[in-house]
C-alpha atoms as a PDB file:
ATOM      1  CA  MET A   1      13.457  -7.812  47.055  1.00  0.00           C
ATOM      2  CA  ALA A   2      11.232 -10.046  49.106  1.00  0.00           C
ATOM      3  CA  GLY A   3       8.369  -9.846  46.582  1.00  0.00           C
ATOM      4  CA  PHE A   4      10.475 -10.412  43.412  1.00  0.00           C
ATOM      5  CA  LYS A   5       9.528 -13.606  41.604  1.00  0.00           C
ATOM      6  CA  GLY A   6      11.481 -13.148  38.370  1.00  0.00           C
ATOM      7  CA  GLY A   7       9.760 -13.833  35.069  1.00  0.00           C
ATOM      8  CA  TYR A   8       9.183 -11.573  32.120  1.00  0.00           C
ATOM      9  CA  GLY A   9       8.684  -8.121  33.581  1.00  0.00           C
ATOM     10  CA  GLY A  10       5.201  -8.816  34.845  1.00  0.00           C
ATOM     11  CA  PHE A  11       4.158 -11.083  31.961  1.00  0.00           C
ATOM     12  CA  GLY A  12       3.422 -14.623  33.043  1.00  0.00           C
ATOM     13  CA  GLY A  13       4.509 -17.462  30.767  1.00  0.00           C
ATOM     14  CA  GLY A  14       0.987 -17.956  29.395  1.00  0.00           C
ATOM     15  CA  ASN A  15       0.499 -14.273  28.691  1.00  0.00           C
ATOM     16  CA  MET A  16       3.821 -14.118  26.862  1.00  0.00           C
ATOM     17  CA  GLN A  17       2.803 -17.079  24.703  1.00  0.00           C
ATOM     18  CA  ASN A  18      -0.519 -15.400  23.891  1.00  0.00           C
ATOM     19  CA  LEU A  19       1.289 -12.193  23.038  1.00  0.00           C
ATOM     20  CA  MET A  20       3.673 -14.073  20.742  1.00  0.00           C
ATOM     21  CA  LYS A  21       0.757 -15.861  19.041  1.00  0.00           C
ATOM     22  CA  GLN A  22      -0.997 -12.536  18.479  1.00  0.00           C
ATOM     23  CA  ALA A  23       2.192 -11.039  17.042  1.00  0.00           C
ATOM     24  CA  GLN A  24       2.633 -14.010  14.694  1.00  0.00           C
ATOM     25  CA  LYS A  25      -0.990 -13.765  13.569  1.00  0.00           C
ATOM     26  CA  MET A  26      -0.611 -10.035  12.930  1.00  0.00           C
ATOM     27  CA  GLN A  27       2.589 -10.660  10.995  1.00  0.00           C
ATOM     28  CA  GLN A  28       0.806 -13.251   8.800  1.00  0.00           C
ATOM     29  CA  GLU A  29      -2.105 -10.890   8.193  1.00  0.00           C
ATOM     30  CA  MET A  30       0.290  -8.079   7.314  1.00  0.00           C
ATOM     31  CA  ALA A  31       2.154 -10.324   4.846  1.00  0.00           C
ATOM     32  CA  LYS A  32      -1.181 -11.269   3.249  1.00  0.00           C
ATOM     33  CA  ALA A  33      -2.173  -7.597   2.950  1.00  0.00           C
ATOM     34  CA  GLN A  34       1.207  -6.759   1.374  1.00  0.00           C
ATOM     35  CA  GLU A  35       0.753  -9.611  -1.119  1.00  0.00           C
ATOM     36  CA  GLU A  36      -2.727  -8.331  -2.001  1.00  0.00           C
ATOM     37  CA  LEU A  37      -1.277  -4.859  -2.578  1.00  0.00           C
ATOM     38  CA  ALA A  38       1.418  -6.241  -4.878  1.00  0.00           C
ATOM     39  CA  GLU A  39      -1.225  -8.101  -6.911  1.00  0.00           C
ATOM     40  CA  ALA A  40      -3.753  -5.254  -7.077  1.00  0.00           C
ATOM     41  CA  GLU A  41      -3.968  -3.252 -10.282  1.00  0.00           C
ATOM     42  CA  ILE A  42      -5.135   0.338  -9.979  1.00  0.00           C
ATOM     43  CA  ALA A  43      -5.882   2.638 -12.896  1.00  0.00           C
ATOM     44  CA  GLY A  44      -5.499   6.373 -12.819  1.00  0.00           C
ATOM     45  CA  SER A  45      -6.706   8.479 -15.704  1.00  0.00           C
ATOM     46  CA  ALA A  46      -6.750  12.006 -17.051  1.00  0.00           C
ATOM     47  CA  GLY A  47      -8.394  13.897 -19.864  1.00  0.00           C
ATOM     48  CA  GLY A  48     -11.590  11.889 -19.616  1.00  0.00           C
ATOM     49  CA  GLY A  49      -9.703   8.649 -20.191  1.00  0.00           C
ATOM     50  CA  LEU A  50      -7.358   9.898 -22.921  1.00  0.00           C
ATOM     51  CA  VAL A  51      -4.439   8.745 -20.776  1.00  0.00           C
ATOM     52  CA  GLU A  52      -4.624   5.835 -18.358  1.00  0.00           C
ATOM     53  CA  VAL A  53      -1.818   4.707 -16.079  1.00  0.00           C
ATOM     54  CA  ARG A  54      -1.780   1.396 -14.197  1.00  0.00           C
ATOM     55  CA  VAL A  55       0.083   0.791 -10.948  1.00  0.00           C
ATOM     56  CA  ASN A  56      -0.109  -1.885  -8.300  1.00  0.00           C
ATOM     57  CA  GLY A  57      -0.966  -1.259  -4.665  1.00  0.00           C
ATOM     58  CA  LYS A  58       2.712  -0.733  -3.895  1.00  0.00           C
ATOM     59  CA  ASN A  59       2.858   2.178  -6.376  1.00  0.00           C
ATOM     60  CA  GLU A  60       4.927   0.196  -8.869  1.00  0.00           C
ATOM     61  CA  PHE A  61       4.303   1.287 -12.458  1.00  0.00           C
ATOM     62  CA  LEU A  62       2.618  -1.414 -14.568  1.00  0.00           C
ATOM     63  CA  GLY A  63       1.733   0.331 -17.807  1.00  0.00           C
ATOM     64  CA  ILE A  64       0.207   3.228 -19.684  1.00  0.00           C
ATOM     65  CA  SER A  65      -2.444   3.586 -22.367  1.00  0.00           C
ATOM     66  CA  ILE A  66      -2.665   6.689 -24.543  1.00  0.00           C
ATOM     67  CA  LYS A  67      -5.550   7.167 -26.954  1.00  0.00           C
ATOM     68  CA  PRO A  68      -4.464   8.463 -30.373  1.00  0.00           C
ATOM     69  CA  GLU A  69      -6.550  11.635 -30.033  1.00  0.00           C
ATOM     70  CA  ALA A  70      -4.383  12.615 -27.035  1.00  0.00           C
ATOM     71  CA  VAL A  71      -1.353  12.883 -29.307  1.00  0.00           C
ATOM     72  CA  ASP A  72      -1.015  16.314 -30.878  1.00  0.00           C
ATOM     73  CA  PRO A  73       2.491  16.917 -32.250  1.00  0.00           C
ATOM     74  CA  ASP A  74       1.901  20.656 -31.897  1.00  0.00           C
ATOM     75  CA  ASP A  75       0.986  20.346 -28.205  1.00  0.00           C
ATOM     76  CA  VAL A  76       3.273  17.776 -26.607  1.00  0.00           C
ATOM     77  CA  GLU A  77       3.012  19.694 -23.341  1.00  0.00           C
ATOM     78  CA  MET A  78      -0.670  18.768 -23.045  1.00  0.00           C
ATOM     79  CA  LEU A  79       0.176  15.069 -23.366  1.00  0.00           C
ATOM     80  CA  GLU A  80       2.914  15.421 -20.745  1.00  0.00           C
ATOM     81  CA  ASP A  81       0.423  17.092 -18.399  1.00  0.00           C
ATOM     82  CA  LEU A  82      -2.144  14.328 -18.990  1.00  0.00           C
ATOM     83  CA  ILE A  83       0.444  11.647 -18.205  1.00  0.00           C
ATOM     84  CA  ALA A  84       1.502  13.423 -15.015  1.00  0.00           C
ATOM     85  CA  ALA A  85      -2.134  13.858 -13.953  1.00  0.00           C
ATOM     86  CA  ALA A  86      -2.899  10.183 -14.635  1.00  0.00           C
ATOM     87  CA  MET A  87       0.192   9.133 -12.666  1.00  0.00           C
ATOM     88  CA  ASN A  88      -0.890  11.287  -9.713  1.00  0.00           C
ATOM     89  CA  ASP A  89      -4.428   9.905  -9.896  1.00  0.00           C
ATOM     90  CA  ALA A  90      -3.118   6.328  -9.849  1.00  0.00           C
ATOM     91  CA  LYS A  91      -0.753   7.119  -6.972  1.00  0.00           C
ATOM     92  CA  GLU A  92      -3.551   8.632  -4.883  1.00  0.00           C
ATOM     93  CA  LYS A  93      -5.722   5.568  -5.462  1.00  0.00           C
ATOM     94  CA  ALA A  94      -2.836   3.202  -4.648  1.00  0.00           C
ATOM     95  CA  ASP A  95      -2.053   5.167  -1.477  1.00  0.00           C
ATOM     96  CA  ALA A  96      -5.705   4.951  -0.409  1.00  0.00           C
ATOM     97  CA  LEU A  97      -5.745   1.192  -1.012  1.00  0.00           C
ATOM     98  CA  SER A  98      -2.499   0.780   0.907  1.00  0.00           C
ATOM     99  CA  LYS A  99      -3.851   2.820   3.811  1.00  0.00           C
ATOM    100  CA  GLU A 100      -7.015   0.702   3.798  1.00  0.00           C
ATOM    101  CA  LYS A 101      -5.101  -2.593   3.773  1.00  0.00           C
ATOM    102  CA  MET A 102      -2.196  -1.642   6.039  1.00  0.00           C
ATOM    103  CA  GLY A 103      -3.862   0.940   8.288  1.00  0.00           C
ATOM    104  CA  ALA A 104      -5.147  -1.736  10.620  1.00  0.00           C
ATOM    105  CA  PHE A 105      -1.581  -2.605  11.549  1.00  0.00           C
ATOM    106  CA  GLY A 106      -0.717   0.937  12.641  1.00  0.00           C
ATOM    107  CA  ALA A 107       2.570   1.455  14.413  1.00  0.00           C
ATOM    108  CA  MET A 108       2.904  -2.268  15.073  1.00  0.00           C
ATOM    109  CA  GLY A 109       3.624  -2.829  11.376  1.00  0.00           C
ATOM    110  CA  GLY A 110       7.029  -1.213  11.684  1.00  0.00           C
ATOM    111  CA  MET A 111       7.961  -3.378  14.654  1.00  0.00           C
ATOM    112  CA  LEU A 112       7.146  -6.758  13.057  1.00  0.00           C
END
């Protein structure tokens, strides 16, 4: 143990401080990205715009718009399908936005 000097497992004090600063900066950037996702409004649509669904970047449902011509009392199934398709479209777009905003944080995001 003649060469043991203690410390932080090979990290000098200055390096540890830099690492902590980088982690804090990443955490702030991640919080900002999460806030932007919560505030984003994404529209998904189906049937050429007959049904439009709005979600935020966190996939939280915000609202739905249905044009009157989409409502056929004799074909409720079609309207149900349009709503499901619009929801899936909005979810895909929200997932893509989330991946764009949060992808930079990679595996580190789960550790902060």
